């Protein structure tokens, strides 16, 4: 499906690759080795895809769109490196993480470098509105991460807090992709606001889908990942189940997570608890509601190949298996 989604912007994505690589380059040899390692292991590039499609939906894709996509991809890459340090994660997309290969001190500095490069790309091109939108996303992402850490320690995340965390941590960056893509194409303030709203709903659906992987048998391994459970992160399937289950059973599950979260037996018990209390069905329903809101917003734009691709992207986000 991703190949079909990229169809209207394939040429731009091909030109974006050397553009992005050049923005990461430096005269410091160690840094060049590390940025080349990062570049060769890039993921699906969903965020540049969203920037280019949002620009095409709202006008003409030009150099400003490349600036928008470049700065956001630099920011996103920086946050992934910092996240791996915070989470003490030693793998990223099946490869060793930067902190695993070069240790945390170097990883933090590389993340800082990429963040500064993202800021400079905007400043060098006098794109201060793009910079404002991106800086707001950085602010939200930092707040969201710290809010999750604070509440996870106390194990008291309710549903409204969960939505606040994922809006700040994940949806704000997707929203900045949509808004900056539209701004780069000269969209009206009204359409920029619509694109931002679209991005918030899309990003929320995206994160809920990620959170479901902990509890659903999907992907190549054919079983739930349990990663969030091991890290004592309360996400929507568990939050809902804890709220509706027998209080004594909920207390037992919370105690298991507090004291033995990394044990396979705990992961299995939590997954069973969520399944038995309707947590998966409820979460899928909520994810689909955000999907539907995203699609409704897109209907306010004229039909085009860019709108068709964004509609496909919305469905891809909720149907993906990894």
Protein backbone atom coordinates (compact mmCIF):
# COMPACT_ATOMS: atom_id res chain seq x y z
CA UNK A 1 0.00 0.00 0.00
CA UNK A 2 2.88 2.37 0.78
CA UNK A 3 4.07 2.31 -2.85
CA UNK A 4 0.61 3.40 -4.00
CA UNK A 5 0.51 6.14 -1.35
CA UNK A 6 3.86 7.52 -2.56
CA UNK A 7 2.89 7.49 -6.25
CA UNK A 8 2.10 11.23 -6.65
CA UNK A 9 5.33 12.29 -4.90
CA UNK A 10 7.83 9.60 -5.96
CA UNK A 11 10.05 12.03 -7.88
CA UNK A 12 10.12 14.45 -4.96
CA UNK A 13 11.01 11.67 -2.49
CA UNK A 14 13.90 10.57 -4.75
CA UNK A 15 15.22 14.14 -4.83
CA UNK A 16 14.67 14.51 -1.10
CA UNK A 17 17.12 11.67 -0.24
CA UNK A 18 20.33 13.48 -1.32
CA UNK A 19 18.87 16.77 -0.01
CA UNK A 20 18.38 15.23 3.45
CA UNK A 21 21.77 13.47 3.46
CA UNK A 22 23.50 16.75 2.63
CA UNK A 23 21.74 18.49 5.55
CA UNK A 24 23.24 15.92 7.95
CA UNK A 25 26.81 16.19 6.63
CA UNK A 26 29.64 17.67 8.71
CA UNK A 27 33.45 17.98 8.71
CA UNK A 28 33.69 15.95 11.94
CA UNK A 29 34.59 12.43 10.80
CA UNK A 30 33.01 10.58 13.77
CA UNK A 31 29.78 12.48 13.26
CA UNK A 32 29.81 11.67 9.54
CA UNK A 33 30.25 7.95 10.28
CA UNK A 34 27.28 8.04 12.66
CA UNK A 35 25.00 10.10 10.39
CA UNK A 36 25.78 7.76 7.48
CA UNK A 37 24.83 4.83 9.71
CA UNK A 38 21.55 6.58 10.54
CA UNK A 39 20.87 7.46 6.90
CA UNK A 40 21.39 3.88 5.65
CA UNK A 41 18.89 2.58 8.20
CA UNK A 42 16.08 5.07 7.70
CA UNK A 43 12.54 3.75 8.10
CA UNK A 44 9.43 4.20 5.98
CA UNK A 45 9.94 8.00 5.90
CA UNK A 46 6.29 8.54 6.79
CA UNK A 47 6.91 12.09 7.95
CA UNK A 48 8.46 13.40 4.70
CA UNK A 49 5.68 11.58 2.82
CA UNK A 50 3.09 13.43 4.91
CA UNK A 51 4.83 16.79 4.35
CA UNK A 52 4.93 16.36 0.55
CA UNK A 53 1.36 15.05 0.29
CA UNK A 54 0.07 17.88 2.51
CA UNK A 55 1.86 20.41 0.30
CA UNK A 56 0.45 18.84 -2.86
CA UNK A 57 -3.05 18.88 -1.37
CA UNK A 58 -2.76 22.62 -0.70
CA UNK A 59 -0.83 23.93 -3.70
CA UNK A 60 2.54 23.48 -5.36
CA UNK A 61 5.48 21.48 -3.98
CA UNK A 62 8.61 23.65 -4.13
CA UNK A 63 11.90 24.30 -2.27
CA UNK A 64 10.03 25.41 0.86
CA UNK A 65 8.47 21.94 1.01
CA UNK A 66 11.93 20.34 0.98
CA UNK A 67 12.94 22.68 3.81
CA UNK A 68 9.84 21.65 5.79
CA UNK A 69 10.43 17.92 5.19
CA UNK A 70 14.16 18.20 5.94
CA UNK A 71 13.79 20.03 9.23
CA UNK A 72 11.06 17.70 10.47
CA UNK A 73 12.99 14.55 9.52
CA UNK A 74 16.08 15.92 11.30
CA UNK A 75 13.98 16.65 14.38
CA UNK A 76 12.31 13.24 14.27
CA UNK A 77 15.67 11.45 13.94
CA UNK A 78 17.06 13.45 16.88
CA UNK A 79 14.10 12.50 19.09
CA UNK A 80 14.46 8.79 18.22
CA UNK A 81 18.13 8.86 19.28
CA UNK A 82 17.28 10.67 22.52
CA UNK A 83 14.38 8.26 23.18
CA UNK A 84 16.73 5.28 22.89
CA UNK A 85 19.02 6.87 25.48
CA UNK A 86 16.10 7.61 27.84
CA UNK A 87 14.67 4.08 27.41
CA UNK A 88 18.12 2.44 27.49
CA UNK A 89 17.13 0.71 24.24
CA UNK A 90 19.90 -1.01 22.32
CA UNK A 91 18.00 -1.77 19.12
CA UNK A 92 16.18 0.42 16.61
CA UNK A 93 14.32 -1.18 13.65
CA UNK A 94 16.26 -4.40 14.11
CA UNK A 95 19.70 -2.70 14.15
CA UNK A 96 21.91 -1.62 17.03
CA UNK A 97 20.98 1.85 18.30
CA UNK A 98 23.43 4.77 18.38
CA UNK A 99 23.82 4.52 22.17
CA UNK A 100 24.53 0.77 21.86
CA UNK A 101 27.35 1.35 19.34
CA UNK A 102 28.81 4.67 20.52
CA UNK A 103 27.44 4.95 24.09
CA UNK A 104 24.93 7.39 25.53
CA UNK A 105 27.18 10.46 25.73
CA UNK A 106 27.84 10.39 21.99
CA UNK A 107 24.20 9.55 21.23
CA UNK A 108 22.93 12.59 23.17
CA UNK A 109 25.39 14.86 21.33
CA UNK A 110 24.42 13.42 17.94
CA UNK A 111 20.76 14.01 18.77
CA UNK A 112 21.58 17.59 19.76
CA UNK A 113 23.50 18.07 16.50
CA UNK A 114 20.58 16.85 14.36
CA UNK A 115 18.13 19.04 16.29
CA UNK A 116 20.35 22.09 15.73
CA UNK A 117 20.67 21.22 12.03
CA UNK A 118 16.87 21.17 11.78
CA UNK A 119 16.69 24.64 13.31
CA UNK A 120 19.44 25.95 11.03
CA UNK A 121 17.76 24.58 7.87
CA UNK A 122 14.76 26.78 8.68
CA UNK A 123 16.82 29.86 9.61
CA UNK A 124 19.09 29.60 6.56
CA UNK A 125 16.00 29.61 4.35
CA UNK A 126 14.20 32.38 6.31
CA UNK A 127 11.35 30.00 7.09
CA UNK A 128 10.41 31.35 10.50
CA UNK A 129 6.78 30.22 10.39
CA UNK A 130 7.93 26.65 9.69
CA UNK A 131 10.39 27.03 12.58
CA UNK A 132 7.64 28.27 14.91
CA UNK A 133 5.43 25.25 14.15
CA UNK A 134 8.33 22.82 14.58
CA UNK A 135 9.54 24.45 17.83
CA UNK A 136 6.04 24.10 19.25
CA UNK A 137 6.13 20.38 18.40
CA UNK A 138 9.52 19.97 20.16
CA UNK A 139 8.06 21.67 23.23
CA UNK A 140 5.00 19.39 23.21
CA UNK A 141 7.08 16.24 22.72
CA UNK A 142 9.33 17.04 25.68
CA UNK A 143 6.32 17.81 27.91
CA UNK A 144 4.57 14.62 26.81
CA UNK A 145 7.58 12.43 27.56
CA UNK A 146 8.04 13.97 31.02
CA UNK A 147 4.31 13.73 31.78
CA UNK A 148 4.38 10.03 30.90
CA UNK A 149 7.43 9.43 33.11
CA UNK A 150 5.81 11.30 36.01
CA UNK A 151 2.49 9.48 35.78
CA UNK A 152 4.02 6.06 35.03
CA UNK A 153 5.97 6.21 38.30
CA UNK A 154 2.70 6.70 40.18
CA UNK A 155 0.80 4.22 37.95
CA UNK A 156 -2.16 6.62 37.79
CA UNK A 157 -2.69 7.38 34.10
CA UNK A 158 -6.38 7.76 33.26
CA UNK A 159 -7.87 7.99 29.76
CA UNK A 160 -7.80 11.82 29.42
CA UNK A 161 -4.15 11.86 30.56
CA UNK A 162 -3.32 9.09 28.08
CA UNK A 163 -4.74 11.18 25.22
CA UNK A 164 -2.84 14.24 26.43
CA UNK A 165 0.42 12.27 26.48
CA UNK A 166 0.07 10.82 22.98
CA UNK A 167 -1.16 14.14 21.57
CA UNK A 168 2.02 15.78 22.82
CA UNK A 169 4.46 12.88 22.25
CA UNK A 170 3.35 11.64 18.83
CA UNK A 171 0.45 13.56 17.31
CA UNK A 172 2.09 16.98 17.66
CA UNK A 173 4.92 15.98 15.30
CA UNK A 174 2.52 14.47 12.73
CA UNK A 175 0.44 17.66 12.99
CA UNK A 176 3.54 19.78 12.34
CA UNK A 177 4.24 17.69 9.20
CA UNK A 178 0.74 18.43 7.92
CA UNK A 179 0.75 22.12 8.89
CA UNK A 180 4.24 22.82 7.55
CA UNK A 181 3.52 20.99 4.31
CA UNK A 182 0.46 23.19 3.83
CA UNK A 183 2.36 26.38 4.81
CA UNK A 184 5.15 25.55 2.32
CA UNK A 185 2.55 25.44 -0.46
CA UNK A 186 1.02 28.80 0.48
CA UNK A 187 -2.19 27.47 2.06
CA UNK A 188 -4.68 29.78 3.75
CA UNK A 189 -4.66 30.04 7.55
CA UNK A 190 -7.98 28.14 7.58
CA UNK A 191 -6.52 25.23 5.58
CA UNK A 192 -3.35 25.17 7.70
CA UNK A 193 -5.56 24.82 10.79
CA UNK A 194 -7.53 22.02 9.09
CA UNK A 195 -4.32 20.20 8.21
CA UNK A 196 -3.08 20.53 11.78
CA UNK A 197 -6.36 19.06 13.07
CA UNK A 198 -6.05 16.26 10.51
CA UNK A 199 -2.51 15.56 11.76
CA UNK A 200 -3.58 15.44 15.42
CA UNK A 201 -6.23 12.82 14.61
CA UNK A 202 -3.91 10.84 12.32
CA UNK A 203 -1.08 10.93 14.87
CA UNK A 204 -3.40 9.81 17.67
CA UNK A 205 -4.64 6.87 15.58
CA UNK A 206 -1.00 6.05 14.73
CA UNK A 207 0.04 5.89 18.40
CA UNK A 208 -3.02 3.88 19.46
CA UNK A 209 -2.14 1.34 16.74
CA UNK A 210 1.40 1.17 18.14
CA UNK A 211 0.03 0.62 21.63
CA UNK A 212 -2.18 -2.24 20.41
CA UNK A 213 0.90 -4.22 19.30
CA UNK A 214 1.59 -4.92 22.98
CA UNK A 215 -1.66 -6.86 23.27
CA UNK A 216 -2.49 -8.25 19.81
CA UNK A 217 -0.97 -11.22 17.99
CA UNK A 218 0.38 -9.43 14.92
CA UNK A 219 3.51 -9.04 12.82
CA UNK A 220 6.22 -11.58 12.07
CA UNK A 221 6.56 -12.93 15.61
CA UNK A 222 2.85 -13.81 15.79
CA UNK A 223 2.43 -12.80 19.44
CA UNK A 224 1.99 -9.60 21.49
CA UNK A 225 5.23 -7.67 22.04
CA UNK A 226 4.62 -6.79 25.71
CA UNK A 227 7.25 -4.02 25.51
CA UNK A 228 5.10 -1.36 27.21
CA UNK A 229 4.14 -3.77 29.97
CA UNK A 230 7.81 -4.55 30.64
CA UNK A 231 8.53 -0.81 30.84
CA UNK A 232 5.51 -0.26 33.16
CA UNK A 233 3.79 2.00 30.61
CA UNK A 234 0.02 2.18 30.97
CA UNK A 235 -1.64 2.53 27.55
CA UNK A 236 -5.29 2.58 26.50
CA UNK A 237 -6.03 -1.18 26.39
CA UNK A 238 -4.82 -1.56 29.98
CA UNK A 239 -6.17 1.79 31.24
CA UNK A 240 -9.68 0.87 30.05
CA UNK A 241 -9.48 -2.68 31.43
CA UNK A 242 -8.32 -1.46 34.85
CA UNK A 243 -11.26 0.96 34.95
CA UNK A 244 -13.97 -1.63 34.16
CA UNK A 245 -12.61 -4.76 35.88
CA UNK A 246 -13.24 -5.98 39.40
CA UNK A 247 -11.24 -3.61 41.68
CA UNK A 248 -9.43 -6.49 43.41
CA UNK A 249 -8.38 -7.97 40.06
CA UNK A 250 -7.20 -4.55 38.85
CA UNK A 251 -5.16 -4.12 42.02
CA UNK A 252 -3.57 -7.56 41.50
CA UNK A 253 -2.57 -6.68 37.92
CA UNK A 254 -1.08 -3.33 38.97
CA UNK A 255 0.97 -5.05 41.68
CA UNK A 256 2.26 -7.57 39.14
CA UNK A 257 3.38 -4.74 36.84
CA UNK A 258 4.94 -2.76 39.72
CA UNK A 259 7.05 -5.64 41.02
CA UNK A 260 7.54 -8.16 38.18
CA UNK A 261 6.92 -6.29 34.92
CA UNK A 262 9.77 -7.93 32.98
CA UNK A 263 8.71 -11.53 33.65
CA UNK A 264 7.03 -13.43 30.80
CA UNK A 265 4.34 -14.66 33.21
CA UNK A 266 3.42 -11.05 34.06
CA UNK A 267 3.19 -10.06 30.40
CA UNK A 268 0.98 -13.06 29.70
CA UNK A 269 -1.26 -12.33 32.71
CA UNK A 270 -1.68 -8.66 31.72
CA UNK A 271 -2.45 -9.53 28.08
CA UNK A 272 -5.09 -12.07 29.25
CA UNK A 273 -6.56 -9.52 31.68
CA UNK A 274 -6.90 -6.93 28.90
CA UNK A 275 -8.45 -9.48 26.51
CA UNK A 276 -10.97 -10.67 29.09
CA UNK A 277 -12.09 -7.13 29.98
CA UNK A 278 -12.67 -5.83 26.46
CA UNK A 279 -9.59 -3.59 26.38
CA UNK A 280 -8.60 -4.51 22.84
CA UNK A 281 -12.07 -4.04 21.36
CA UNK A 282 -12.50 -0.70 23.11
CA UNK A 283 -9.09 0.54 21.94
CA UNK A 284 -9.74 -0.51 18.32
CA UNK A 285 -13.05 1.36 18.48
CA UNK A 286 -11.31 4.54 19.70
CA UNK A 287 -8.56 4.20 17.07
CA UNK A 288 -11.17 3.87 14.33
CA UNK A 289 -12.97 6.97 15.62
CA UNK A 290 -9.76 9.02 15.15
CA UNK A 291 -9.33 7.44 11.71
CA UNK A 292 -12.86 8.48 10.75
CA UNK A 293 -12.29 12.05 11.97
CA UNK A 294 -9.14 12.24 9.84
CA UNK A 295 -11.03 11.11 6.74
CA UNK A 296 -13.86 13.58 7.40
CA UNK A 297 -11.38 16.48 7.50
CA UNK A 298 -9.85 15.39 4.18
CA UNK A 299 -13.29 15.52 2.55
CA UNK A 300 -13.20 19.31 3.03
CA UNK A 301 -10.45 19.47 0.36
CA UNK A 302 -11.07 19.01 -3.39
CA UNK A 303 -10.56 15.53 -4.81
CA UNK A 304 -7.01 14.97 -6.10
CA UNK A 305 -4.32 12.31 -6.26
CA UNK A 306 -2.82 13.85 -3.11
CA UNK A 307 -6.10 13.55 -1.20
CA UNK A 308 -6.48 9.96 -2.39
CA UNK A 309 -2.98 9.15 -1.12
CA UNK A 310 -3.64 10.78 2.25
CA UNK A 311 -6.86 8.77 2.59
CA UNK A 312 -4.91 5.59 1.83
CA UNK A 313 -2.29 6.68 4.37
CA UNK A 314 -4.93 7.05 7.09
CA UNK A 315 -6.09 3.47 6.48
CA UNK A 316 -2.50 2.22 6.26
CA UNK A 317 -1.76 3.69 9.68
CA UNK A 318 -4.53 1.73 11.40
CA UNK A 319 -4.14 -1.49 9.40
CA UNK A 320 -0.33 -1.89 9.52
CA UNK A 321 1.08 -4.98 11.20
CA UNK A 322 4.36 -3.47 12.46
